[in-house]
Amino acid sequence: MSAPPKGSKAADDGAPAAPKAALGLPAASALVIGSIIGTGVFALPSALAPYGPISLVAFVAVTLGALALAVTFGALSKRVPASGGPYVYAREAFGEFAGFLNAWSYWITAWAGNAAIVVAWVGYVEVFVNTGHRTGISVLIALIGLWVPAAINLTGVRNTGAFQVTTTVLKFVPLVFMATIGLLFIDPDNFGAFNASGRPAPGAISAAAAIALFSYLGLEAASVVAGRVREPGRNVPRATVYGTLVCAVIYILGTLAVFGTVSHGELGASTAPFTDAANNIFGGTWAGDAVAVAAIVSGIGALNGWTMLCAEMPYAAARDGLFPGTFAKLRGDSGVPVFGIVASTLLASLITVFSYTRFEDVFTRIVLLSVFTAVIPYLFSTAAQLYWLLVRGRDSLKPGQLARDVTVAALAMAFSYWSIQGSGYQTVYYGLFVLLLGLPVYVWLKRDRGEYGETVHAQPGATVPQARAPETPMTAKGSSRGRRRYRTGGSRKYTPRHHD
């Protein structure tokens, strides 16, 4: 287990206090649903329009992969019910560097994803204001959309959870309507050419899937904040799987309805496709306005949830000394990670301001970058599940259950690889560049901690960070999974505990 960074508050005063578990099953489920269903479901039909209806095939494939990921995260969260989600799973299975890489990658996903969400959100706000789409005003609206959820998060996790439940309920009415009643108004002529991309079918499906995967980012939300969930071993897996299933049904049926009620040419140029679909069904603008209001509420709810994730992932890593110690500082009675919230929102604001050119370009570029940086933690998480099943699960699982779980995890891993392939070379290039920017940070953290050998020297009176889950594999001597001797004035051995 890692020693706290030398000279930090965690090192000098002990590990940071654990956050309060204020989220029950309804709030955890709302966090999953609200993080998945943001403005993506309202904006992606336009982003998928260049591929034609073949993108619906990609959506079904992505849904199956997302469900495999949800089941995998559910199993991992049962075994390791600690905040950090993918970061914790990678660190427990493969060591500190893998843990840091996942925390870094997921953190980028969270704040870059917020930038993509707010760009789509602006499209629906501008149904009512700035209808001329003047760039300066659009940027101002986007900044308001980023900082209002940040302010809510700064008031505490209980208020954040209550706001998440409220927005999730409000967004469901128009989405369920479009996914049910909207299907009755489908006109086959609106679909256009099945494959409008001009690419071979497999390439078109892969490219569309890379964009569609953005719709499911956030399915791991409950596992990231497991430390703030009551009875995490029970509630986190349920919230993850049930929330993903609900979103899958709404996504597929709702997207099908939009493709069938808006002409292909109109859909490709639309910045608010669900609004256009509702207007085409009922005529006039009142129905579209109602959908736009729902999209605005949905977007704020998603930004609220993702802002929470922006702070929770680096907080979990910082408690282990694998992120700058400032991210581990909590404020207030409910333990608010203020620095993580503010820093992440600032970065999302910067990428929004500097990238705001045209709706389609901004949204699609940020979506693809967010997908790539999200898939890295997904790959490590599925690998961690396979590691546990194949190395240790044989002794504790029945053959049938072992075969089933291995199959699901392998499918989730294959799906993650496929998503990277569909992102395109340019996205992979920029994504790898962003990931490599984390290497100097990791080297700085290691130097600051002074961990270069098998012995870790902690400050006198320091305690070992408490974020590490109790089921930490301790096998390799001198690694994060091996036995270490901590010196706090005297010597004592750390005895590993296994709760399989």
Protein backbone atom coordinates (compact mmCIF):
# COMPACT_ATOMS: atom_id res chain seq x y z
CA MET A 1 0.00 0.00 0.00
CA SER A 2 1.25 3.45 -0.86
CA ALA A 3 2.57 5.87 1.67
CA PRO A 4 1.07 9.36 1.67
CA PRO A 5 3.00 11.98 -0.27
CA LYS A 6 5.70 13.51 1.87
CA GLY A 7 4.98 16.97 3.09
CA SER A 8 1.30 16.78 2.21
CA LYS A 9 -1.53 17.24 4.59
CA ALA A 10 -2.34 13.58 4.23
CA ALA A 11 1.13 12.68 5.26
CA ASP A 12 1.40 15.13 8.09
CA ASP A 13 -2.04 14.76 9.60
CA GLY A 14 -3.00 11.25 8.53
CA ALA A 15 -5.14 10.03 5.68
CA PRO A 16 -8.02 12.22 4.56
CA ALA A 17 -11.31 11.52 6.22
CA ALA A 18 -13.56 9.17 4.30
CA PRO A 19 -16.59 10.80 2.66
CA LYS A 20 -20.06 10.18 4.02
CA ALA A 21 -22.19 7.47 2.38
CA ALA A 22 -25.24 9.58 1.56
CA LEU A 23 -26.53 7.88 -1.61
CA GLY A 24 -29.09 5.07 -1.49
CA LEU A 25 -30.17 2.78 -4.35
CA PRO A 26 -32.58 5.34 -5.94
CA ALA A 27 -29.93 8.09 -5.94
CA ALA A 28 -27.22 5.70 -7.20
CA SER A 29 -29.52 4.49 -9.99
CA ALA A 30 -30.40 8.09 -10.86
CA LEU A 31 -26.67 8.87 -11.02
CA VAL A 32 -26.13 6.03 -13.51
CA ILE A 33 -29.17 6.91 -15.63
CA GLY A 34 -28.52 10.63 -15.40
CA SER A 35 -24.85 10.23 -16.33
CA ILE A 36 -25.70 8.00 -19.30
CA ILE A 37 -28.73 9.91 -20.55
CA GLY A 38 -27.49 13.44 -20.84
CA THR A 39 -27.75 15.43 -24.02
CA GLY A 40 -26.18 12.57 -25.95
CA VAL A 41 -29.48 10.86 -26.62
CA PHE A 42 -30.87 14.19 -27.87
CA ALA A 43 -27.89 15.09 -30.08
CA LEU A 44 -26.46 11.82 -31.37
CA PRO A 45 -29.10 11.17 -34.06
CA SER A 46 -27.60 14.14 -35.93
CA ALA A 47 -24.03 12.90 -35.39
CA LEU A 48 -25.04 9.45 -36.68
CA ALA A 49 -27.03 10.78 -39.65
CA PRO A 50 -24.04 10.78 -42.08
CA TYR A 51 -23.90 6.98 -41.75
CA GLY A 52 -27.60 6.42 -42.37
CA PRO A 53 -29.79 3.73 -40.77
CA ILE A 54 -26.83 1.35 -40.65
CA SER A 55 -25.87 3.30 -37.54
CA LEU A 56 -28.85 1.69 -35.81
CA VAL A 57 -27.10 -1.65 -36.28
CA ALA A 58 -24.07 -0.10 -34.62
CA PHE A 59 -26.29 1.14 -31.79
CA VAL A 60 -27.59 -2.38 -31.13
CA ALA A 61 -24.03 -3.76 -31.12
CA VAL A 62 -22.90 -0.99 -28.78
CA THR A 63 -25.85 -1.72 -26.49
CA LEU A 64 -24.86 -5.38 -26.18
CA GLY A 65 -21.29 -4.35 -25.41
CA ALA A 66 -22.47 -1.78 -22.87
CA LEU A 67 -24.57 -4.41 -21.10
CA ALA A 68 -21.53 -6.71 -20.94
CA LEU A 69 -19.55 -3.84 -19.42
CA ALA A 70 -22.35 -3.12 -16.94
CA VAL A 71 -22.40 -6.73 -15.75
CA THR A 72 -18.61 -6.69 -15.47
CA PHE A 73 -18.59 -3.48 -13.44
CA GLY A 74 -21.35 -4.90 -11.27
CA ALA A 75 -19.23 -7.96 -10.47
CA LEU A 76 -16.14 -5.86 -9.80
CA SER A 77 -18.00 -3.48 -7.50
CA LYS A 78 -19.26 -6.42 -5.43
CA ARG A 79 -15.72 -7.63 -4.93
CA VAL A 80 -14.10 -4.21 -4.44
CA PRO A 81 -16.75 -1.81 -3.04
CA ALA A 82 -14.44 1.22 -2.87
CA SER A 83 -14.60 4.65 -4.51
CA GLY A 84 -12.62 5.00 -7.70
CA GLY A 85 -14.23 2.34 -9.87
CA PRO A 86 -11.92 1.55 -12.82
CA TYR A 87 -8.96 3.13 -11.02
CA VAL A 88 -9.33 0.84 -8.00
CA TYR A 89 -9.84 -2.30 -10.09
CA ALA A 90 -6.75 -1.65 -12.23
CA ARG A 91 -4.59 -0.79 -9.22
CA GLU A 92 -5.66 -3.87 -7.28
CA ALA A 93 -4.97 -6.20 -10.21
CA PHE A 94 -1.97 -4.66 -11.97
CA GLY A 95 -0.29 -2.21 -9.63
CA GLU A 96 0.10 1.51 -9.09
CA PHE A 97 1.07 2.62 -12.58
CA ALA A 98 -1.98 0.93 -14.10
CA GLY A 99 -4.09 2.57 -11.41
CA PHE A 100 -2.66 6.01 -12.13
CA LEU A 101 -3.10 5.60 -15.90
CA ASN A 102 -6.76 4.69 -15.41
CA ALA A 103 -7.40 7.58 -13.03
CA TRP A 104 -5.71 10.01 -15.41
CA SER A 105 -7.56 8.68 -18.46
CA TYR A 106 -10.95 8.63 -16.76
CA TRP A 107 -10.47 12.12 -15.38
CA ILE A 108 -9.86 13.37 -18.92
CA THR A 109 -12.99 11.52 -20.06
CA ALA A 110 -15.05 13.21 -17.35
CA TRP A 111 -14.14 16.85 -17.98
CA ALA A 112 -13.80 16.49 -21.77
CA GLY A 113 -17.14 14.68 -21.78
CA ASN A 114 -18.67 17.60 -19.91
CA ALA A 115 -17.49 19.87 -22.70
CA ALA A 116 -19.22 17.63 -25.27
CA ILE A 117 -22.41 17.47 -23.20
CA VAL A 118 -22.60 21.22 -22.79
CA VAL A 119 -22.10 21.82 -26.54
CA ALA A 120 -25.10 19.59 -27.26
CA TRP A 121 -27.01 21.24 -24.40
CA VAL A 122 -26.47 24.68 -25.94
CA GLY A 123 -28.19 23.46 -29.11
CA TYR A 124 -31.41 22.95 -27.15
CA VAL A 125 -31.12 26.15 -25.12
CA GLU A 126 -30.86 28.01 -28.42
CA VAL A 127 -34.29 26.78 -29.40
CA PHE A 128 -35.45 29.63 -27.13
CA VAL A 129 -32.56 32.13 -27.03
CA ASN A 130 -29.74 33.11 -29.40
CA THR A 131 -31.59 31.57 -32.31
CA GLY A 132 -29.06 33.21 -34.60
CA HIS A 133 -26.35 31.05 -33.01
CA ARG A 134 -23.89 33.88 -32.39
CA THR A 135 -20.70 32.25 -31.16
CA GLY A 136 -19.99 34.59 -28.25
CA ILE A 137 -23.44 34.11 -26.75
CA SER A 138 -23.26 30.36 -27.35
CA VAL A 139 -20.02 30.20 -25.38
CA LEU A 140 -21.57 32.22 -22.54
CA ILE A 141 -24.54 29.83 -22.39
CA ALA A 142 -22.14 26.89 -22.35
CA LEU A 143 -20.17 28.34 -19.44
CA ILE A 144 -23.38 28.83 -17.46
CA GLY A 145 -24.25 25.19 -18.18
CA LEU A 146 -20.90 24.06 -16.79
CA TRP A 147 -20.77 26.20 -13.65
CA VAL A 148 -24.34 25.79 -12.37
CA PRO A 149 -23.83 22.03 -11.78
CA ALA A 150 -20.42 22.78 -10.28
CA ALA A 151 -22.08 25.12 -7.78
CA ILE A 152 -24.61 22.41 -6.88
CA ASN A 153 -21.81 19.89 -6.31
CA LEU A 154 -20.01 22.34 -4.06
CA THR A 155 -23.02 22.33 -1.69
CA GLY A 156 -22.55 18.64 -0.86
CA VAL A 157 -23.29 15.11 -2.05
CA ARG A 158 -26.79 14.99 -0.54
CA ASN A 159 -27.94 17.99 -2.58
CA THR A 160 -26.18 16.60 -5.65
CA GLY A 161 -28.04 13.30 -5.29
CA ALA A 162 -31.42 14.97 -4.76
CA PHE A 163 -30.90 17.15 -7.83
CA GLN A 164 -29.92 14.07 -9.84
CA VAL A 165 -33.10 12.20 -8.91
CA THR A 166 -35.26 15.22 -9.81
CA THR A 167 -33.71 15.79 -13.23
CA THR A 168 -33.81 12.06 -14.04
CA VAL A 169 -37.56 11.91 -13.39
CA LEU A 170 -38.24 15.06 -15.44
CA LYS A 171 -36.23 13.91 -18.46
CA PHE A 172 -38.01 10.57 -18.72
CA VAL A 173 -41.43 11.83 -19.84
CA PRO A 174 -40.50 13.02 -23.37
CA LEU A 175 -37.98 10.24 -23.88
CA VAL A 176 -40.49 7.53 -23.05
CA PHE A 177 -43.02 9.29 -25.26
CA MET A 178 -40.68 9.33 -28.24
CA ALA A 179 -39.62 5.72 -27.62
CA THR A 180 -43.26 4.57 -27.65
CA ILE A 181 -45.74 6.92 -29.34
CA GLY A 182 -43.10 8.23 -31.74
CA LEU A 183 -42.75 4.78 -33.28
CA LEU A 184 -46.32 5.04 -34.60
CA PHE A 185 -45.38 8.00 -36.81
CA ILE A 186 -42.37 6.48 -38.59
CA ASP A 187 -42.25 7.08 -42.34
CA PRO A 188 -39.88 4.62 -44.09
CA ASP A 189 -39.03 7.26 -46.72
CA ASN A 190 -37.28 9.33 -44.03
CA PHE A 191 -34.60 6.71 -43.46
CA GLY A 192 -32.82 7.32 -46.77
CA ALA A 193 -29.99 5.08 -47.97
CA PHE A 194 -29.22 2.29 -45.51
CA ASN A 195 -25.48 3.03 -45.67
CA ALA A 196 -25.08 6.70 -46.53
CA SER A 197 -21.40 6.91 -45.57
CA GLY A 198 -19.94 5.46 -48.76
CA ARG A 199 -17.75 3.14 -46.67
CA PRO A 200 -17.93 -0.65 -46.61
CA ALA A 201 -20.57 -1.81 -44.14
CA PRO A 202 -18.14 -3.09 -41.46
CA GLY A 203 -16.22 0.19 -41.50
CA ALA A 204 -19.41 2.26 -41.34
CA ILE A 205 -20.68 0.23 -38.39
CA SER A 206 -17.38 0.58 -36.52
CA ALA A 207 -17.21 4.33 -37.12
CA ALA A 208 -20.82 4.84 -36.05
CA ALA A 209 -20.28 2.63 -33.00
CA ALA A 210 -17.38 4.81 -31.81
CA ILE A 211 -19.77 7.77 -31.72
CA ALA A 212 -22.69 5.77 -30.31
CA LEU A 213 -20.56 4.52 -27.42
CA PHE A 214 -20.54 8.07 -26.08
CA SER A 215 -24.21 7.53 -25.25
CA TYR A 216 -23.28 4.88 -22.70
CA LEU A 217 -20.37 6.62 -21.03
CA GLY A 218 -21.29 6.87 -17.38
CA LEU A 219 -22.56 3.32 -16.88
CA GLU A 220 -19.75 2.90 -14.33
CA ALA A 221 -20.81 6.03 -12.41
CA ALA A 222 -22.06 4.21 -9.31
CA SER A 223 -18.78 2.28 -9.00
CA VAL A 224 -16.76 5.51 -9.16
CA VAL A 225 -18.63 6.93 -6.14
CA ALA A 226 -19.04 3.60 -4.31
CA GLY A 227 -17.60 5.12 -1.15
CA ARG A 228 -20.54 7.53 -1.04
CA VAL A 229 -23.18 4.80 -1.57
CA ARG A 230 -24.87 3.01 1.32
CA GLU A 231 -24.32 -0.78 1.19
CA PRO A 232 -22.13 -0.47 -1.93
CA GLY A 233 -21.65 -4.23 -2.35
CA ARG A 234 -25.41 -4.55 -2.86
CA ASN A 235 -26.55 -1.23 -4.31
CA VAL A 236 -23.75 -0.42 -6.76
CA PRO A 237 -24.14 -3.59 -8.91
CA ARG A 238 -27.92 -3.18 -9.02
CA ALA A 239 -27.76 0.50 -9.93
CA THR A 240 -25.19 -0.23 -12.66
CA VAL A 241 -27.05 -3.06 -14.40
CA TYR A 242 -30.61 -1.80 -13.99
CA GLY A 243 -29.69 1.75 -14.98
CA THR A 244 -27.93 0.57 -18.15
CA LEU A 245 -30.89 -1.64 -19.13
CA VAL A 246 -33.35 1.23 -18.78
CA CYS A 247 -31.15 3.51 -20.87
CA ALA A 248 -30.66 0.85 -23.55
CA VAL A 249 -34.39 0.48 -24.20
CA ILE A 250 -34.94 4.24 -24.39
CA TYR A 251 -31.89 4.78 -26.60
CA ILE A 252 -32.66 2.23 -29.28
CA LEU A 253 -36.38 2.94 -29.59
CA GLY A 254 -35.97 6.72 -29.31
CA THR A 255 -33.23 6.89 -31.95
CA LEU A 256 -35.26 4.68 -34.28
CA ALA A 257 -38.24 7.03 -33.90
CA VAL A 258 -36.14 10.11 -34.71
CA PHE A 259 -34.64 8.47 -37.81
CA GLY A 260 -38.14 7.59 -38.98
CA THR A 261 -39.83 10.94 -38.34
CA VAL A 262 -37.13 13.35 -39.58
CA SER A 263 -35.86 13.20 -43.16
CA HIS A 264 -32.24 12.19 -43.62
CA GLY A 265 -31.22 15.56 -45.04
CA GLU A 266 -32.96 17.52 -42.28
CA LEU A 267 -31.51 15.27 -39.58
CA GLY A 268 -27.93 15.78 -40.71
CA ALA A 269 -28.27 19.57 -40.41
CA SER A 270 -30.23 19.58 -37.16
CA THR A 271 -28.82 20.75 -33.84
CA ALA A 272 -31.93 19.56 -31.94
CA PRO A 273 -33.16 16.37 -33.68
CA PHE A 274 -35.65 15.31 -30.98
CA THR A 275 -37.26 18.75 -31.16
CA ASP A 276 -37.56 18.45 -34.94
CA ALA A 277 -39.05 14.96 -34.57
CA ALA A 278 -41.70 16.16 -32.12
CA ASN A 279 -42.59 19.11 -34.35
CA ASN A 280 -42.95 16.81 -37.37
CA ILE A 281 -45.28 14.53 -35.42
CA PHE A 282 -47.62 17.18 -34.05
CA GLY A 283 -47.02 20.19 -36.28
CA GLY A 284 -46.28 23.65 -34.97
CA THR A 285 -43.57 24.18 -32.38
CA TRP A 286 -45.15 23.44 -28.99
CA ALA A 287 -44.16 19.76 -28.90
CA GLY A 288 -40.63 20.55 -29.98
CA ASP A 289 -40.39 23.23 -27.32
CA ALA A 290 -41.46 20.70 -24.68
CA VAL A 291 -38.76 18.27 -25.84
CA ALA A 292 -36.20 21.07 -25.82
CA VAL A 293 -37.07 21.88 -22.20
CA ALA A 294 -36.64 18.19 -21.32
CA ALA A 295 -33.28 18.14 -23.09
CA ILE A 296 -32.16 21.21 -21.14
CA VAL A 297 -33.15 19.54 -17.86
CA SER A 298 -31.49 16.30 -18.95
CA GLY A 299 -28.28 18.06 -19.87
CA ILE A 300 -28.04 19.87 -16.54
CA GLY A 301 -28.66 16.56 -14.77
CA ALA A 302 -25.91 14.84 -16.74
CA LEU A 303 -23.49 17.69 -16.12
CA ASN A 304 -24.35 17.50 -12.42
CA GLY A 305 -23.52 13.78 -12.30
CA TRP A 306 -20.36 14.02 -14.40
CA THR A 307 -19.08 16.96 -12.37
CA MET A 308 -19.31 14.69 -9.34
CA LEU A 309 -17.34 11.99 -11.19
CA CYS A 310 -14.76 14.59 -12.26
CA ALA A 311 -13.87 15.06 -8.61
CA GLU A 312 -14.38 11.53 -7.24
CA MET A 313 -11.91 9.72 -9.49
CA PRO A 314 -8.88 11.95 -8.75
CA TYR A 315 -9.97 12.07 -5.09
CA ALA A 316 -9.74 8.27 -4.83
CA ALA A 317 -6.33 8.25 -6.53
CA ALA A 318 -5.03 11.15 -4.43
CA ARG A 319 -5.90 9.28 -1.23
CA ASP A 320 -3.40 6.65 -2.37
CA GLY A 321 -0.77 9.22 -3.35
CA LEU A 322 -1.35 8.56 -7.06
CA PHE A 323 -2.74 12.02 -7.86
CA PRO A 324 -1.69 15.42 -6.55
CA GLY A 325 -2.61 15.64 -2.88
CA THR A 326 -4.76 18.75 -3.37
CA PHE A 327 -7.43 16.56 -4.98
CA ALA A 328 -7.80 14.60 -1.71
CA LYS A 329 -8.72 17.60 0.42
CA LEU A 330 -12.35 17.71 1.54
CA ARG A 331 -14.34 20.71 2.72
CA GLY A 332 -17.52 20.96 4.76
CA ASP A 333 -19.45 18.43 6.82
CA SER A 334 -20.37 16.34 3.77
CA GLY A 335 -16.78 16.17 2.52
CA VAL A 336 -16.75 18.11 -0.76
CA PRO A 337 -13.62 17.71 -2.97
CA VAL A 338 -13.62 21.39 -3.90
CA PHE A 339 -10.38 21.46 -5.87
CA GLY A 340 -11.39 18.53 -8.08
CA ILE A 341 -14.73 20.15 -8.90
CA VAL A 342 -13.29 23.58 -9.68
CA ALA A 343 -10.22 22.36 -11.60
CA SER A 344 -12.25 19.96 -13.76
CA THR A 345 -14.87 22.59 -14.55
CA LEU A 346 -12.15 25.07 -15.51
CA LEU A 347 -10.63 22.55 -17.94
CA ALA A 348 -14.04 21.78 -19.44
CA SER A 349 -14.61 25.52 -19.82
CA LEU A 350 -11.28 26.00 -21.60
CA ILE A 351 -11.82 23.20 -24.09
CA THR A 352 -15.33 24.52 -24.77
CA VAL A 353 -14.14 28.08 -25.40
CA PHE A 354 -11.17 27.17 -27.60
CA SER A 355 -12.95 24.47 -29.59
CA TYR A 356 -16.28 26.21 -30.22
CA THR A 357 -16.54 26.54 -33.99
CA ARG A 358 -19.40 24.58 -35.51
CA PHE A 359 -21.80 22.32 -33.63
CA GLU A 360 -21.07 19.16 -35.58
CA ASP A 361 -17.29 19.51 -35.46
CA VAL A 362 -17.06 20.39 -31.77
CA PHE A 363 -19.45 17.71 -30.62
CA THR A 364 -18.05 14.88 -32.74
CA ARG A 365 -14.37 15.65 -32.03
CA ILE A 366 -14.81 15.86 -28.27
CA VAL A 367 -17.07 12.80 -28.30
CA LEU A 368 -14.42 10.69 -30.01
CA LEU A 369 -11.66 11.87 -27.65
CA SER A 370 -13.88 11.16 -24.63
CA VAL A 371 -14.71 7.70 -25.95
CA PHE A 372 -11.05 6.84 -26.45
CA THR A 373 -9.98 7.97 -22.99
CA ALA A 374 -12.98 6.13 -21.47
CA VAL A 375 -12.22 2.87 -23.24
CA ILE A 376 -8.76 2.66 -21.63
CA PRO A 377 -10.26 2.25 -18.12
CA TYR A 378 -12.86 -0.12 -19.56
CA LEU A 379 -10.10 -2.31 -20.99
CA PHE A 380 -8.21 -2.39 -17.71
CA SER A 381 -11.39 -3.12 -15.76
CA THR A 382 -12.34 -6.06 -17.96
CA ALA A 383 -8.74 -7.30 -17.78
CA ALA A 384 -8.90 -7.06 -13.97
CA GLN A 385 -12.09 -9.12 -13.98
CA LEU A 386 -10.51 -11.76 -16.22
CA TYR A 387 -7.40 -11.78 -14.01
CA TRP A 388 -9.45 -12.45 -10.91
CA LEU A 389 -11.62 -15.09 -12.58
CA LEU A 390 -8.81 -17.04 -14.22
CA VAL A 391 -6.19 -16.72 -11.48
CA ARG A 392 -8.30 -16.80 -8.34
CA GLY A 393 -11.90 -17.48 -9.33
CA ARG A 394 -11.34 -21.16 -10.04
CA ASP A 395 -11.19 -21.90 -6.34
CA SER A 396 -14.34 -19.99 -5.38
CA LEU A 397 -16.74 -20.27 -8.33
CA LYS A 398 -18.64 -23.19 -9.82
CA PRO A 399 -17.51 -24.17 -13.34
CA GLY A 400 -20.74 -22.92 -14.95
CA GLN A 401 -20.59 -19.54 -13.20
CA LEU A 402 -16.89 -19.20 -14.01
CA ALA A 403 -17.48 -19.91 -17.71
CA ARG A 404 -20.36 -17.42 -17.81
CA ASP A 405 -18.44 -14.63 -16.10
CA VAL A 406 -15.34 -15.19 -18.24
CA THR A 407 -17.46 -15.04 -21.41
CA VAL A 408 -19.13 -11.78 -20.37
CA ALA A 409 -15.81 -10.16 -19.40
CA ALA A 410 -14.18 -11.32 -22.64
CA LEU A 411 -17.05 -9.87 -24.68
CA ALA A 412 -16.74 -6.58 -22.79
CA MET A 413 -13.00 -6.50 -23.51
CA ALA A 414 -13.48 -7.30 -27.20
CA PHE A 415 -16.12 -4.59 -27.42
CA SER A 416 -13.72 -2.07 -25.89
CA TYR A 417 -11.00 -2.94 -28.42
CA TRP A 418 -13.52 -2.61 -31.23
CA SER A 419 -14.52 0.84 -29.98
CA ILE A 420 -10.90 2.02 -30.17
CA GLN A 421 -10.58 0.69 -33.70
CA GLY A 422 -13.66 2.64 -34.78
CA SER A 423 -12.44 5.91 -33.30
CA GLY A 424 -10.09 6.57 -36.20
CA TYR A 425 -6.34 7.10 -36.37
CA GLN A 426 -6.47 10.82 -35.62
CA THR A 427 -8.48 10.28 -32.44
CA VAL A 428 -6.14 7.51 -31.29
CA TYR A 429 -3.16 9.79 -31.98
CA TYR A 430 -4.54 12.68 -29.94
CA GLY A 431 -5.81 10.32 -27.26
CA LEU A 432 -2.41 8.71 -26.79
CA PHE A 433 -0.80 12.14 -26.69
CA VAL A 434 -3.14 13.20 -23.89
CA LEU A 435 -2.45 9.98 -21.98
CA LEU A 436 1.31 10.43 -22.31
CA LEU A 437 0.99 13.87 -20.76
CA GLY A 438 0.27 12.02 -17.54
CA LEU A 439 3.71 10.36 -17.44
CA PRO A 440 5.54 13.45 -16.09
CA VAL A 441 2.85 13.75 -13.42
CA TYR A 442 3.37 10.13 -12.37
CA VAL A 443 7.15 10.53 -12.27
CA TRP A 444 6.75 13.67 -10.16
CA LEU A 445 4.44 11.85 -7.75
CA LYS A 446 6.87 8.94 -7.40
CA ARG A 447 9.79 11.29 -6.83
CA ASP A 448 7.82 13.27 -4.28
CA ARG A 449 6.97 10.09 -2.40
CA GLY A 450 10.50 8.74 -2.61
CA GLU A 451 9.35 5.21 -3.52
CA TYR A 452 12.11 3.65 -5.55
CA GLY A 453 12.79 0.45 -3.64
CA GLU A 454 11.00 -2.23 -1.69
CA THR A 455 10.79 -0.15 1.48
CA VAL A 456 8.36 2.70 1.86
CA HIS A 457 9.27 5.41 4.36
CA ALA A 458 6.26 7.20 5.76
CA GLN A 459 6.36 10.32 7.89
CA PRO A 460 6.27 9.71 11.66
CA GLY A 461 2.71 9.30 12.80
CA ALA A 462 1.38 8.95 9.26
CA THR A 463 -1.31 6.39 8.53
CA VAL A 464 -1.78 4.30 5.45
CA PRO A 465 -4.46 5.72 3.11
CA GLN A 466 -7.82 4.05 3.68
CA ALA A 467 -9.11 4.09 0.12
CA ARG A 468 -7.56 0.72 -0.77
CA ALA A 469 -10.22 -1.94 -0.79
CA PRO A 470 -9.79 -4.82 1.70
CA GLU A 471 -9.34 -7.37 -1.08
CA THR A 472 -5.95 -6.09 -2.28
CA PRO A 473 -3.95 -8.90 -3.92
CA MET A 474 -0.60 -9.17 -2.15
CA THR A 475 1.67 -11.42 -4.16
CA ALA A 476 4.66 -9.72 -5.76
CA LYS A 477 7.36 -8.68 -3.36
CA GLY A 478 8.23 -5.04 -3.64
CA SER A 479 5.17 -4.15 -5.73
CA SER A 480 1.89 -2.52 -4.84
CA ARG A 481 0.54 -6.05 -4.56
CA GLY A 482 3.32 -7.36 -2.37
CA ARG A 483 4.19 -7.27 1.30
CA ARG A 484 5.78 -3.99 2.35
CA ARG A 485 7.34 -2.80 5.54
CA TYR A 486 6.25 0.66 6.71
CA ARG A 487 8.46 2.63 9.01
CA THR A 488 6.75 5.01 11.38
CA GLY A 489 9.42 5.26 14.03
CA GLY A 490 9.44 1.47 14.44
CA SER A 491 8.83 -1.41 12.07
CA ARG A 492 5.78 -3.53 11.51
CA LYS A 493 4.64 -5.87 8.82
CA TYR A 494 1.50 -5.21 6.86
CA THR A 495 -0.66 -8.32 6.93
CA PRO A 496 -2.80 -8.74 3.83
CA ARG A 497 -6.48 -9.54 4.22
CA HIS A 498 -8.48 -11.47 1.65
CA HIS A 499 -12.25 -11.48 1.64
CA ASP A 500 -13.06 -13.74 -1.28
